[in-house]
Amino acid sequence: MNRLLKRVRVIALVALVALAGWLGWQQFGGQQMVTRQAPEGNLAGSTLGGAFSLVNQDGEALSEADFKGQWRLMYFGYTFCPDVCPTDMAVIGRAMATFEGVNKGLAATVTPIFITVDPARDVPVAIKPFVRAFHPRFVGLTGSEAQVAAAMKTFGIYARKVETRESRDAANRGEAANYLVDHFAVFYLFGPDGQPVAFLPHGSEAGEVATMLETYVR
């Protein structure tokens, strides 16, 4: 009888310990898991982003609605940029490749997007080879001066044409002006509903951009 009573007590004690452990996990571990699944980025609560109407590298009209359900890794620049833009675009391409190696399924939900700040020269035929040089799924967007200006305002992008001595001389000769464009360079991540999630500044490396994707894309 005593042995039976002891056995019942041991079973009851084990059950209580298991119950306490489960309740503790629900209260603390469960909350931590939720946090890991839905971290808050440094753009959370920002008013950046919204509607836009542009044209892709194939001449097709696109709006923000065409990217519904997709994570958007966005960058504003221009194809005639001598150094900054190609460097940053290469960073995005390598970051996408790294993320694809980590989780190909999730990576497929991320669309890298390039939007020009120089629509006068960046027509679709100029953008297409530029974006494809960095990643096969890169979407390049351009449009009229007004459309691009509206998109830049929506995403908080500054850009200003900079005349050089060479461009002024070319203009005086009636030739195409090879001007530069000073612009705000940043890596933006927007969520499937177009909500701002996070950003990294120019100068960030591919590993940092890949980590941003791994952190927020779920």
N, C-alpha and C. Protein backbone atom coordinates (compact mmCIF):
# COMPACT_ATOMS: atom_id res chain seq x y z
N MET A 1 0.84 -1.21 0.00
CA MET A 1 0.00 0.00 0.00
C MET A 1 0.87 1.26 0.00
N ASN A 2 1.93 1.23 0.85
CA ASN A 2 2.83 2.38 0.92
C ASN A 2 3.53 2.61 -0.41
N ARG A 3 3.94 1.48 -1.06
CA ARG A 3 4.60 1.60 -2.36
C ARG A 3 3.66 2.24 -3.39
N LEU A 4 2.41 1.81 -3.37
CA LEU A 4 1.43 2.36 -4.30
C LEU A 4 1.22 3.85 -4.06
N LEU A 5 1.16 4.22 -2.78
CA LEU A 5 0.95 5.63 -2.44
C LEU A 5 2.14 6.47 -2.89
N LYS A 6 3.35 5.92 -2.67
CA LYS A 6 4.55 6.64 -3.11
C LYS A 6 4.55 6.82 -4.62
N ARG A 7 4.16 5.77 -5.34
CA ARG A 7 4.14 5.81 -6.79
C ARG A 7 3.16 6.88 -7.29
N VAL A 8 1.99 6.94 -6.65
CA VAL A 8 0.98 7.95 -7.03
C VAL A 8 1.51 9.35 -6.80
N ARG A 9 2.21 9.53 -5.64
CA ARG A 9 2.77 10.85 -5.32
C ARG A 9 3.83 11.27 -6.35
N VAL A 10 4.68 10.32 -6.75
CA VAL A 10 5.71 10.62 -7.75
C VAL A 10 5.09 11.02 -9.08
N ILE A 11 4.07 10.27 -9.49
CA ILE A 11 3.40 10.57 -10.75
C ILE A 11 2.75 11.96 -10.69
N ALA A 12 2.14 12.26 -9.56
CA ALA A 12 1.48 13.56 -9.40
C ALA A 12 2.50 14.69 -9.45
N LEU A 13 3.68 14.46 -8.80
CA LEU A 13 4.72 15.47 -8.78
C LEU A 13 5.27 15.72 -10.18
N VAL A 14 5.51 14.64 -10.92
CA VAL A 14 6.00 14.78 -12.29
C VAL A 14 4.99 15.54 -13.14
N ALA A 15 3.72 15.24 -12.97
CA ALA A 15 2.68 15.92 -13.74
C ALA A 15 2.64 17.41 -13.42
N LEU A 16 2.80 17.75 -12.11
CA LEU A 16 2.79 19.17 -11.71
C LEU A 16 3.98 19.91 -12.30
N VAL A 17 5.16 19.26 -12.29
CA VAL A 17 6.36 19.90 -12.86
C VAL A 17 6.17 20.12 -14.36
N ALA A 18 5.63 19.12 -15.04
CA ALA A 18 5.40 19.25 -16.48
C ALA A 18 4.41 20.36 -16.78
N LEU A 19 3.35 20.45 -15.95
CA LEU A 19 2.34 21.49 -16.15
C LEU A 19 2.95 22.88 -15.94
N ALA A 20 3.76 22.99 -14.86
CA ALA A 20 4.40 24.29 -14.59
C ALA A 20 5.33 24.69 -15.73
N GLY A 21 6.06 23.72 -16.25
CA GLY A 21 6.95 24.00 -17.37
C GLY A 21 6.19 24.44 -18.60
N TRP A 22 5.09 23.79 -18.88
CA TRP A 22 4.29 24.14 -20.06
C TRP A 22 3.70 25.54 -19.92
N LEU A 23 3.19 25.85 -18.69
CA LEU A 23 2.62 27.18 -18.46
C LEU A 23 3.69 28.26 -18.58
N GLY A 24 4.90 27.96 -18.06
CA GLY A 24 5.99 28.92 -18.17
C GLY A 24 6.37 29.17 -19.61
N TRP A 25 6.42 28.12 -20.42
CA TRP A 25 6.74 28.28 -21.84
C TRP A 25 5.68 29.11 -22.55
N GLN A 26 4.41 28.86 -22.21
CA GLN A 26 3.32 29.62 -22.82
C GLN A 26 3.45 31.11 -22.50
N GLN A 27 3.86 31.40 -21.26
CA GLN A 27 3.93 32.80 -20.84
C GLN A 27 5.16 33.51 -21.37
N PHE A 28 6.30 32.81 -21.39
CA PHE A 28 7.56 33.46 -21.74
C PHE A 28 8.11 32.98 -23.07
N GLY A 29 8.27 31.70 -23.21
CA GLY A 29 8.82 31.17 -24.46
C GLY A 29 7.94 31.46 -25.65
N GLY A 30 6.62 31.35 -25.45
CA GLY A 30 5.68 31.62 -26.53
C GLY A 30 5.75 33.05 -26.98
N GLN A 31 5.89 33.96 -26.01
CA GLN A 31 6.00 35.38 -26.35
C GLN A 31 7.27 35.65 -27.13
N GLN A 32 8.38 34.97 -26.73
CA GLN A 32 9.63 35.17 -27.43
C GLN A 32 9.54 34.68 -28.86
N MET A 33 8.81 33.56 -29.06
CA MET A 33 8.67 33.03 -30.41
C MET A 33 7.89 34.00 -31.28
N VAL A 34 6.84 34.60 -30.72
CA VAL A 34 6.07 35.57 -31.47
C VAL A 34 6.94 36.75 -31.87
N THR A 35 7.80 37.18 -30.90
CA THR A 35 8.69 38.31 -31.18
C THR A 35 9.64 37.98 -32.31
N ARG A 36 10.17 36.73 -32.30
CA ARG A 36 11.09 36.37 -33.35
C ARG A 36 10.40 36.29 -34.71
N GLN A 37 9.12 35.92 -34.70
CA GLN A 37 8.40 35.77 -35.95
C GLN A 37 7.97 37.11 -36.53
N ALA A 38 7.75 38.07 -35.68
CA ALA A 38 7.26 39.36 -36.17
C ALA A 38 8.04 40.51 -35.52
N PRO A 39 9.34 40.63 -35.80
CA PRO A 39 10.12 41.72 -35.22
C PRO A 39 9.68 43.06 -35.79
N GLU A 40 9.96 44.10 -35.05
CA GLU A 40 9.60 45.45 -35.49
C GLU A 40 10.83 46.12 -36.07
N GLY A 41 10.75 46.54 -37.31
CA GLY A 41 11.89 47.15 -37.98
C GLY A 41 12.03 48.62 -37.66
N ASN A 42 13.12 49.23 -38.14
CA ASN A 42 13.36 50.64 -37.84
C ASN A 42 12.51 51.60 -38.67
N LEU A 43 11.65 51.07 -39.54
CA LEU A 43 10.69 51.92 -40.26
C LEU A 43 9.26 51.72 -39.77
N ALA A 44 9.10 50.91 -38.75
CA ALA A 44 7.76 50.65 -38.23
C ALA A 44 7.09 51.97 -37.81
N GLY A 45 5.88 52.19 -38.28
CA GLY A 45 5.15 53.42 -37.95
C GLY A 45 5.45 54.58 -38.87
N SER A 46 6.38 54.39 -39.81
CA SER A 46 6.72 55.46 -40.75
C SER A 46 5.58 55.66 -41.76
N THR A 47 5.53 56.86 -42.32
CA THR A 47 4.52 57.16 -43.34
C THR A 47 5.09 56.98 -44.75
N LEU A 48 6.30 56.47 -44.86
CA LEU A 48 6.89 56.25 -46.18
C LEU A 48 6.11 55.20 -46.97
N GLY A 49 6.14 55.37 -48.28
CA GLY A 49 5.49 54.38 -49.15
C GLY A 49 4.06 54.74 -49.47
N GLY A 50 3.51 54.02 -50.42
CA GLY A 50 2.14 54.28 -50.83
C GLY A 50 1.96 54.05 -52.33
N ALA A 51 0.99 54.72 -52.88
CA ALA A 51 0.63 54.50 -54.28
C ALA A 51 1.68 55.09 -55.23
N PHE A 52 1.87 54.40 -56.35
CA PHE A 52 2.71 54.92 -57.42
C PHE A 52 2.24 54.32 -58.74
N SER A 53 2.57 54.98 -59.82
CA SER A 53 2.22 54.51 -61.16
C SER A 53 3.43 54.72 -62.06
N LEU A 54 4.07 53.60 -62.47
CA LEU A 54 5.29 53.68 -63.24
C LEU A 54 5.29 52.65 -64.36
N VAL A 55 6.39 52.54 -65.06
CA VAL A 55 6.51 51.61 -66.19
C VAL A 55 7.73 50.74 -65.97
N ASN A 56 7.60 49.43 -66.22
CA ASN A 56 8.75 48.56 -65.97
C ASN A 56 9.69 48.48 -67.18
N GLN A 57 10.71 47.64 -67.08
CA GLN A 57 11.72 47.55 -68.12
C GLN A 57 11.21 46.97 -69.43
N ASP A 58 10.00 46.41 -69.40
CA ASP A 58 9.38 45.87 -70.61
C ASP A 58 8.32 46.81 -71.18
N GLY A 59 8.23 48.01 -70.59
CA GLY A 59 7.26 49.00 -71.06
C GLY A 59 5.86 48.80 -70.54
N GLU A 60 5.70 47.93 -69.53
CA GLU A 60 4.36 47.66 -68.97
C GLU A 60 4.07 48.58 -67.79
N ALA A 61 2.87 49.13 -67.76
CA ALA A 61 2.47 50.01 -66.67
C ALA A 61 2.25 49.18 -65.40
N LEU A 62 2.85 49.61 -64.32
CA LEU A 62 2.71 48.91 -63.03
C LEU A 62 2.39 49.92 -61.94
N SER A 63 1.71 49.43 -60.91
CA SER A 63 1.42 50.25 -59.73
C SER A 63 1.75 49.43 -58.50
N GLU A 64 1.58 50.03 -57.34
CA GLU A 64 1.85 49.31 -56.09
C GLU A 64 0.98 48.06 -55.96
N ALA A 65 -0.21 48.08 -56.59
CA ALA A 65 -1.12 46.93 -56.50
C ALA A 65 -0.52 45.68 -57.16
N ASP A 66 0.35 45.86 -58.13
CA ASP A 66 0.97 44.72 -58.81
C ASP A 66 1.97 43.97 -57.93
N PHE A 67 2.35 44.58 -56.80
CA PHE A 67 3.30 43.95 -55.90
C PHE A 67 2.62 43.47 -54.61
N LYS A 68 1.31 43.47 -54.60
CA LYS A 68 0.55 43.02 -53.44
C LYS A 68 0.95 41.59 -53.08
N GLY A 69 1.23 41.36 -51.81
CA GLY A 69 1.60 40.03 -51.36
C GLY A 69 3.08 39.73 -51.46
N GLN A 70 3.85 40.68 -51.98
CA GLN A 70 5.30 40.48 -52.13
C GLN A 70 6.07 41.42 -51.20
N TRP A 71 7.13 40.90 -50.64
CA TRP A 71 8.07 41.77 -49.93
C TRP A 71 8.85 42.54 -51.00
N ARG A 72 9.15 43.81 -50.73
CA ARG A 72 9.80 44.65 -51.74
C ARG A 72 11.11 45.22 -51.21
N LEU A 73 12.20 44.80 -51.83
CA LEU A 73 13.51 45.33 -51.50
C LEU A 73 13.80 46.40 -52.54
N MET A 74 13.70 47.67 -52.13
CA MET A 74 13.68 48.78 -53.08
C MET A 74 14.94 49.65 -53.02
N TYR A 75 15.30 50.16 -54.20
CA TYR A 75 16.45 51.06 -54.30
C TYR A 75 16.19 52.08 -55.40
N PHE A 76 16.46 53.35 -55.10
CA PHE A 76 16.34 54.43 -56.09
C PHE A 76 17.74 54.83 -56.57
N GLY A 77 17.90 54.92 -57.89
CA GLY A 77 19.19 55.31 -58.45
C GLY A 77 19.05 55.63 -59.92
N TYR A 78 20.14 55.52 -60.68
CA TYR A 78 20.06 55.77 -62.12
C TYR A 78 21.15 54.99 -62.84
N THR A 79 20.88 54.62 -64.07
CA THR A 79 21.78 53.71 -64.79
C THR A 79 23.09 54.37 -65.20
N PHE A 80 23.12 55.70 -65.34
CA PHE A 80 24.33 56.40 -65.73
C PHE A 80 25.24 56.70 -64.53
N CYS A 81 24.82 56.29 -63.37
CA CYS A 81 25.59 56.52 -62.14
C CYS A 81 26.96 55.84 -62.26
N PRO A 82 28.05 56.56 -62.02
CA PRO A 82 29.38 55.99 -62.25
C PRO A 82 29.85 55.00 -61.20
N ASP A 83 29.35 55.11 -59.96
CA ASP A 83 29.89 54.21 -58.95
C ASP A 83 28.90 53.78 -57.87
N VAL A 84 28.21 54.71 -57.23
CA VAL A 84 27.35 54.39 -56.09
C VAL A 84 26.25 53.39 -56.45
N CYS A 85 25.51 53.68 -57.49
CA CYS A 85 24.37 52.82 -57.85
C CYS A 85 24.78 51.41 -58.26
N PRO A 86 25.76 51.25 -59.14
CA PRO A 86 26.18 49.89 -59.47
C PRO A 86 26.67 49.11 -58.26
N THR A 87 27.36 49.80 -57.35
CA THR A 87 27.84 49.13 -56.14
C THR A 87 26.67 48.66 -55.28
N ASP A 88 25.70 49.53 -55.07
CA ASP A 88 24.54 49.17 -54.25
C ASP A 88 23.68 48.10 -54.92
N MET A 89 23.54 48.18 -56.21
CA MET A 89 22.76 47.17 -56.92
C MET A 89 23.43 45.80 -56.82
N ALA A 90 24.75 45.78 -56.89
CA ALA A 90 25.48 44.52 -56.72
C ALA A 90 25.29 43.97 -55.31
N VAL A 91 25.23 44.86 -54.34
CA VAL A 91 24.97 44.44 -52.95
C VAL A 91 23.62 43.74 -52.86
N ILE A 92 22.61 44.33 -53.49
CA ILE A 92 21.28 43.73 -53.47
C ILE A 92 21.29 42.36 -54.15
N GLY A 93 21.96 42.28 -55.29
CA GLY A 93 22.03 41.01 -55.99
C GLY A 93 22.68 39.92 -55.15
N ARG A 94 23.78 40.24 -54.47
CA ARG A 94 24.46 39.25 -53.63
C ARG A 94 23.62 38.90 -52.41
N ALA A 95 22.94 39.91 -51.85
CA ALA A 95 22.08 39.65 -50.69
C ALA A 95 20.93 38.71 -51.05
N MET A 96 20.35 38.92 -52.22
CA MET A 96 19.28 38.04 -52.68
C MET A 96 19.81 36.61 -52.87
N ALA A 97 20.98 36.48 -53.45
CA ALA A 97 21.56 35.16 -53.66
C ALA A 97 21.82 34.46 -52.33
N THR A 98 22.30 35.22 -51.35
CA THR A 98 22.55 34.65 -50.02
C THR A 98 21.26 34.19 -49.38
N PHE A 99 20.22 35.02 -49.45
CA PHE A 99 18.93 34.68 -48.85
C PHE A 99 18.30 33.48 -49.56
N GLU A 100 18.47 33.41 -50.86
CA GLU A 100 17.96 32.27 -51.62
C GLU A 100 18.64 30.97 -51.17
N GLY A 101 19.91 31.08 -50.80
CA GLY A 101 20.62 29.91 -50.32
C GLY A 101 20.16 29.47 -48.95
N VAL A 102 19.70 30.42 -48.14
CA VAL A 102 19.22 30.13 -46.79
C VAL A 102 17.80 29.58 -46.81
N ASN A 103 16.93 30.24 -47.57
CA ASN A 103 15.52 29.83 -47.63
C ASN A 103 14.95 30.22 -48.99
N LYS A 104 15.02 29.30 -49.92
CA LYS A 104 14.61 29.59 -51.30
C LYS A 104 13.13 29.95 -51.37
N GLY A 105 12.31 29.29 -50.55
CA GLY A 105 10.87 29.57 -50.57
C GLY A 105 10.55 30.98 -50.15
N LEU A 106 11.12 31.43 -49.03
CA LEU A 106 10.88 32.80 -48.58
C LEU A 106 11.49 33.81 -49.53
N ALA A 107 12.65 33.50 -50.07
CA ALA A 107 13.31 34.42 -51.00
C ALA A 107 12.45 34.68 -52.23
N ALA A 108 11.66 33.68 -52.61
CA ALA A 108 10.79 33.83 -53.77
C ALA A 108 9.70 34.86 -53.53
N THR A 109 9.43 35.19 -52.26
CA THR A 109 8.40 36.19 -51.95
C THR A 109 8.96 37.60 -51.92
N VAL A 110 10.27 37.73 -52.15
CA VAL A 110 10.92 39.05 -52.14
C VAL A 110 11.19 39.48 -53.58
N THR A 111 10.72 40.68 -53.93
CA THR A 111 10.98 41.23 -55.26
C THR A 111 11.93 42.41 -55.14
N PRO A 112 13.13 42.32 -55.73
CA PRO A 112 14.02 43.48 -55.73
C PRO A 112 13.55 44.49 -56.79
N ILE A 113 13.46 45.75 -56.39
CA ILE A 113 12.91 46.79 -57.27
C ILE A 113 13.87 47.97 -57.37
N PHE A 114 14.18 48.36 -58.60
CA PHE A 114 14.99 49.54 -58.87
C PHE A 114 14.09 50.61 -59.48
N ILE A 115 14.10 51.81 -58.90
CA ILE A 115 13.31 52.93 -59.44
C ILE A 115 14.27 54.06 -59.80
N THR A 116 14.21 54.51 -61.04
CA THR A 116 15.14 55.54 -61.47
C THR A 116 14.80 56.91 -60.90
N VAL A 117 15.83 57.72 -60.74
CA VAL A 117 15.65 59.12 -60.37
C VAL A 117 16.01 60.00 -61.58
N ASP A 118 16.23 59.34 -62.73
CA ASP A 118 16.65 60.03 -63.95
C ASP A 118 15.82 59.54 -65.15
N PRO A 119 14.51 59.82 -65.14
CA PRO A 119 13.64 59.28 -66.18
C PRO A 119 13.95 59.79 -67.59
N ALA A 120 14.62 60.94 -67.70
CA ALA A 120 14.93 61.48 -69.02
C ALA A 120 15.83 60.53 -69.81
N ARG A 121 16.77 59.90 -69.14
CA ARG A 121 17.67 58.98 -69.82
C ARG A 121 17.32 57.51 -69.56
N ASP A 122 16.72 57.25 -68.41
CA ASP A 122 16.42 55.86 -68.05
C ASP A 122 15.06 55.41 -68.59
N VAL A 123 15.02 55.25 -69.89
CA VAL A 123 13.84 54.69 -70.54
C VAL A 123 13.91 53.17 -70.36
N PRO A 124 12.80 52.44 -70.60
CA PRO A 124 12.80 50.99 -70.37
C PRO A 124 13.95 50.24 -71.04
N VAL A 125 14.29 50.60 -72.27
CA VAL A 125 15.35 49.88 -72.98
C VAL A 125 16.72 50.07 -72.33
N ALA A 126 16.89 51.16 -71.60
CA ALA A 126 18.15 51.40 -70.88
C ALA A 126 18.16 50.68 -69.54
N ILE A 127 17.00 50.61 -68.92
CA ILE A 127 16.92 49.99 -67.59
C ILE A 127 17.02 48.47 -67.65
N LYS A 128 16.48 47.86 -68.70
CA LYS A 128 16.39 46.39 -68.74
C LYS A 128 17.75 45.70 -68.59
N PRO A 129 18.75 46.00 -69.40
CA PRO A 129 20.04 45.32 -69.21
C PRO A 129 20.72 45.68 -67.90
N PHE A 130 20.45 46.89 -67.41
CA PHE A 130 21.05 47.33 -66.16
C PHE A 130 20.59 46.47 -65.00
N VAL A 131 19.27 46.33 -64.83
CA VAL A 131 18.77 45.56 -63.68
C VAL A 131 19.06 44.07 -63.81
N ARG A 132 19.00 43.54 -65.03
CA ARG A 132 19.23 42.11 -65.22
C ARG A 132 20.68 41.73 -64.96
N ALA A 133 21.56 42.69 -64.97
CA ALA A 133 22.97 42.42 -64.68
C ALA A 133 23.20 42.08 -63.21
N PHE A 134 22.21 42.40 -62.35
CA PHE A 134 22.41 42.22 -60.92
C PHE A 134 21.57 41.08 -60.31
N HIS A 135 20.40 40.84 -60.88
CA HIS A 135 19.59 39.71 -60.41
C HIS A 135 18.50 39.45 -61.45
N PRO A 136 18.22 38.18 -61.76
CA PRO A 136 17.24 37.87 -62.82
C PRO A 136 15.81 38.32 -62.52
N ARG A 137 15.49 38.51 -61.24
CA ARG A 137 14.13 38.94 -60.90
C ARG A 137 14.02 40.42 -60.56
N PHE A 138 15.09 41.16 -60.81
CA PHE A 138 15.04 42.60 -60.54
C PHE A 138 14.00 43.26 -61.44
N VAL A 139 13.15 44.09 -60.85
CA VAL A 139 12.17 44.87 -61.60
C VAL A 139 12.68 46.30 -61.67
N GLY A 140 12.82 46.83 -62.87
CA GLY A 140 13.24 48.22 -63.06
C GLY A 140 12.05 49.08 -63.40
N LEU A 141 11.92 50.22 -62.75
CA LEU A 141 10.77 51.09 -62.97
C LEU A 141 11.20 52.50 -63.37
N THR A 142 10.47 53.06 -64.32
CA THR A 142 10.68 54.42 -64.77
C THR A 142 9.32 55.03 -65.09
N GLY A 143 9.31 56.14 -65.80
CA GLY A 143 8.04 56.79 -66.14
C GLY A 143 8.29 58.20 -66.59
N SER A 144 7.24 58.98 -66.60
CA SER A 144 7.39 60.39 -66.97
C SER A 144 8.06 61.13 -65.81
N GLU A 145 8.49 62.36 -66.09
CA GLU A 145 9.10 63.18 -65.04
C GLU A 145 8.15 63.31 -63.85
N ALA A 146 6.87 63.54 -64.16
CA ALA A 146 5.88 63.72 -63.10
C ALA A 146 5.66 62.43 -62.30
N GLN A 147 5.61 61.29 -62.99
CA GLN A 147 5.39 60.02 -62.31
C GLN A 147 6.56 59.68 -61.37
N VAL A 148 7.76 59.88 -61.88
CA VAL A 148 8.94 59.57 -61.07
C VAL A 148 9.05 60.54 -59.89
N ALA A 149 8.77 61.81 -60.12
CA ALA A 149 8.81 62.79 -59.04
C ALA A 149 7.81 62.43 -57.95
N ALA A 150 6.63 61.96 -58.35
CA ALA A 150 5.61 61.57 -57.38
C ALA A 150 6.07 60.36 -56.57
N ALA A 151 6.68 59.39 -57.24
CA ALA A 151 7.17 58.20 -56.54
C ALA A 151 8.29 58.56 -55.56
N MET A 152 9.18 59.45 -55.98
CA MET A 152 10.26 59.88 -55.10
C MET A 152 9.71 60.57 -53.85
N LYS A 153 8.70 61.37 -54.01
CA LYS A 153 8.08 62.04 -52.87
C LYS A 153 7.42 61.02 -51.94
N THR A 154 6.77 60.04 -52.52
CA THR A 154 6.09 59.02 -51.74
C THR A 154 7.07 58.23 -50.87
N PHE A 155 8.27 58.02 -51.40
CA PHE A 155 9.24 57.21 -50.67
C PHE A 155 10.36 58.04 -50.03
N GLY A 156 10.17 59.35 -49.99
CA GLY A 156 11.11 60.21 -49.28
C GLY A 156 12.49 60.26 -49.91
N ILE A 157 12.55 60.27 -51.24
CA ILE A 157 13.84 60.26 -51.94
C ILE A 157 14.16 61.65 -52.50
N TYR A 158 15.35 62.11 -52.18
CA TYR A 158 15.85 63.38 -52.71
C TYR A 158 16.74 63.09 -53.92
N ALA A 159 16.62 63.90 -54.97
CA ALA A 159 17.51 63.79 -56.13
C ALA A 159 17.63 65.15 -56.81
N ARG A 160 18.83 65.46 -57.29
CA ARG A 160 19.07 66.74 -57.95
C ARG A 160 20.09 66.56 -59.06
N LYS A 161 19.76 67.07 -60.23
CA LYS A 161 20.69 67.00 -61.37
C LYS A 161 21.90 67.89 -61.09
N VAL A 162 23.07 67.36 -61.37
CA VAL A 162 24.31 68.10 -61.15
C VAL A 162 25.03 68.27 -62.49
N GLU A 163 25.14 69.50 -62.92
CA GLU A 163 25.84 69.79 -64.17
C GLU A 163 27.35 69.78 -63.93
N THR A 164 28.07 69.15 -64.81
CA THR A 164 29.53 69.14 -64.73
C THR A 164 30.09 70.00 -65.86
N ARG A 165 31.37 70.26 -65.81
CA ARG A 165 32.00 71.03 -66.88
C ARG A 165 31.84 70.31 -68.22
N GLU A 166 31.99 69.00 -68.19
CA GLU A 166 31.85 68.21 -69.41
C GLU A 166 30.43 68.28 -69.95
N SER A 167 29.45 68.22 -69.05
CA SER A 167 28.06 68.26 -69.51
C SER A 167 27.70 69.62 -70.08
N ARG A 168 28.24 70.69 -69.48
CA ARG A 168 27.97 72.03 -70.01
C ARG A 168 28.63 72.21 -71.39
N ASP A 169 29.84 71.70 -71.54
CA ASP A 169 30.52 71.80 -72.83
C ASP A 169 29.77 71.02 -73.90
N ALA A 170 29.27 69.84 -73.50
CA ALA A 170 28.52 69.02 -74.44
C ALA A 170 27.24 69.72 -74.85
N ALA A 171 26.57 70.35 -73.88
CA ALA A 171 25.34 71.06 -74.17
C ALA A 171 25.60 72.23 -75.12
N ASN A 172 26.72 72.91 -74.92
CA ASN A 172 27.08 74.04 -75.80
C ASN A 172 27.35 73.57 -77.23
N ARG A 173 27.78 72.33 -77.36
CA ARG A 173 28.04 71.78 -78.69
C ARG A 173 26.79 71.13 -79.29
N GLY A 174 25.71 71.17 -78.53
CA GLY A 174 24.47 70.57 -79.01
C GLY A 174 24.43 69.07 -78.84
N GLU A 175 25.31 68.54 -78.00
CA GLU A 175 25.36 67.10 -77.77
C GLU A 175 24.57 66.73 -76.50
N ALA A 176 24.33 65.46 -76.36
CA ALA A 176 23.61 64.98 -75.18
C ALA A 176 24.43 65.28 -73.93
N ALA A 177 23.78 65.81 -72.93
CA ALA A 177 24.47 66.20 -71.70
C ALA A 177 24.71 64.99 -70.81
N ASN A 178 25.96 64.75 -70.47
CA ASN A 178 26.30 63.62 -69.61
C ASN A 178 26.38 64.09 -68.16
N TYR A 179 25.23 64.51 -67.63
CA TYR A 179 25.18 65.05 -66.27
C TYR A 179 25.15 63.93 -65.23
N LEU A 180 25.37 64.31 -63.98
CA LEU A 180 25.26 63.39 -62.85
C LEU A 180 23.99 63.72 -62.07
N VAL A 181 23.59 62.81 -61.19
CA VAL A 181 22.43 63.05 -60.34
C VAL A 181 22.81 62.75 -58.90
N ASP A 182 22.76 63.76 -58.08
CA ASP A 182 22.99 63.59 -56.64
C ASP A 182 21.69 63.09 -56.03
N HIS A 183 21.72 61.97 -55.31
CA HIS A 183 20.46 61.43 -54.79
C HIS A 183 20.67 60.70 -53.47
N PHE A 184 19.58 60.52 -52.77
CA PHE A 184 19.57 59.79 -51.50
C PHE A 184 19.61 58.30 -51.81
N ALA A 185 20.64 57.61 -51.32
CA ALA A 185 20.80 56.18 -51.58
C ALA A 185 20.49 55.40 -50.31
N VAL A 186 19.54 54.47 -50.41
CA VAL A 186 19.11 53.70 -49.24
C VAL A 186 18.51 52.37 -49.69
N PHE A 187 18.66 51.36 -48.86
CA PHE A 187 18.02 50.06 -49.12
C PHE A 187 16.74 50.01 -48.29
N TYR A 188 15.61 49.95 -48.97
CA TYR A 188 14.31 49.91 -48.29
C TYR A 188 13.74 48.49 -48.33
N LEU A 189 13.08 48.09 -47.22
CA LEU A 189 12.31 46.86 -47.21
C LEU A 189 10.87 47.19 -46.84
N PHE A 190 9.96 46.86 -47.76
CA PHE A 190 8.54 47.05 -47.51
C PHE A 190 7.84 45.68 -47.49
N GLY A 191 6.79 45.58 -46.68
CA GLY A 191 6.11 44.31 -46.50
C GLY A 191 5.10 44.00 -47.58
N PRO A 192 4.45 42.84 -47.47
CA PRO A 192 3.50 42.36 -48.49
C PRO A 192 2.30 43.28 -48.71
N ASP A 193 1.98 44.10 -47.72
CA ASP A 193 0.88 45.04 -47.88
C ASP A 193 1.38 46.45 -48.18
N GLY A 194 2.67 46.56 -48.48
CA GLY A 194 3.25 47.86 -48.79
C GLY A 194 3.67 48.65 -47.57
N GLN A 195 3.62 48.02 -46.40
CA GLN A 195 3.96 48.73 -45.17
C GLN A 195 5.48 48.85 -45.03
N PRO A 196 5.98 50.01 -44.56
CA PRO A 196 7.42 50.18 -44.37
C PRO A 196 7.89 49.31 -43.21
N VAL A 197 8.99 48.59 -43.43
CA VAL A 197 9.50 47.66 -42.41
C VAL A 197 10.86 48.09 -41.89
N ALA A 198 11.84 48.21 -42.79
CA ALA A 198 13.20 48.52 -42.34
C ALA A 198 14.01 49.15 -43.47
N PHE A 199 15.14 49.74 -43.10
CA PHE A 199 16.05 50.29 -44.11
C PHE A 199 17.48 50.12 -43.65
N LEU A 200 18.39 50.16 -44.62
CA LEU A 200 19.82 50.20 -44.36
C LEU A 200 20.41 51.29 -45.25
N PRO A 201 21.40 52.02 -44.76
CA PRO A 201 21.97 53.12 -45.55
C PRO A 201 22.96 52.65 -46.61
N HIS A 202 23.24 53.53 -47.54
CA HIS A 202 24.29 53.27 -48.53
C HIS A 202 25.59 52.98 -47.79
N GLY A 203 26.33 52.03 -48.28
CA GLY A 203 27.56 51.61 -47.61
C GLY A 203 27.39 50.29 -46.89
N SER A 204 26.13 49.85 -46.73
CA SER A 204 25.88 48.55 -46.11
C SER A 204 26.36 47.45 -47.04
N GLU A 205 26.79 46.36 -46.44
CA GLU A 205 27.31 45.25 -47.22
C GLU A 205 26.22 44.23 -47.50
N ALA A 206 26.51 43.32 -48.44
CA ALA A 206 25.52 42.32 -48.84
C ALA A 206 25.08 41.47 -47.66
N GLY A 207 26.00 41.13 -46.78
CA GLY A 207 25.65 40.33 -45.61
C GLY A 207 24.65 41.03 -44.71
N GLU A 208 24.78 42.35 -44.59
CA GLU A 208 23.85 43.12 -43.76
C GLU A 208 22.46 43.15 -44.39
N VAL A 209 22.40 43.32 -45.70
CA VAL A 209 21.10 43.32 -46.39
C VAL A 209 20.46 41.93 -46.31
N ALA A 210 21.27 40.88 -46.46
CA ALA A 210 20.76 39.52 -46.34
C ALA A 210 20.22 39.27 -44.94
N THR A 211 20.91 39.77 -43.94
CA THR A 211 20.45 39.63 -42.55
C THR A 211 19.13 40.36 -42.35
N MET A 212 18.98 41.53 -42.96
CA MET A 212 17.71 42.25 -42.89
C MET A 212 16.58 41.40 -43.44
N LEU A 213 16.82 40.74 -44.57
CA LEU A 213 15.81 39.88 -45.15
C LEU A 213 15.50 38.69 -44.25
N GLU A 214 16.53 38.06 -43.72
CA GLU A 214 16.35 36.91 -42.85
C GLU A 214 15.61 37.29 -41.57
N THR A 215 15.80 38.51 -41.11
CA THR A 215 15.19 38.97 -39.87
C THR A 215 13.70 39.24 -40.01
N TYR A 216 13.31 39.87 -41.11
CA TYR A 216 11.93 40.35 -41.23
C TYR A 216 11.03 39.54 -42.16
N VAL A 217 11.56 38.92 -43.17
CA VAL A 217 10.72 38.22 -44.12
C VAL A 217 10.25 36.89 -43.52
N ARG A 218 8.95 36.76 -43.38
CA ARG A 218 8.36 35.55 -42.78
C ARG A 218 7.23 35.05 -43.67
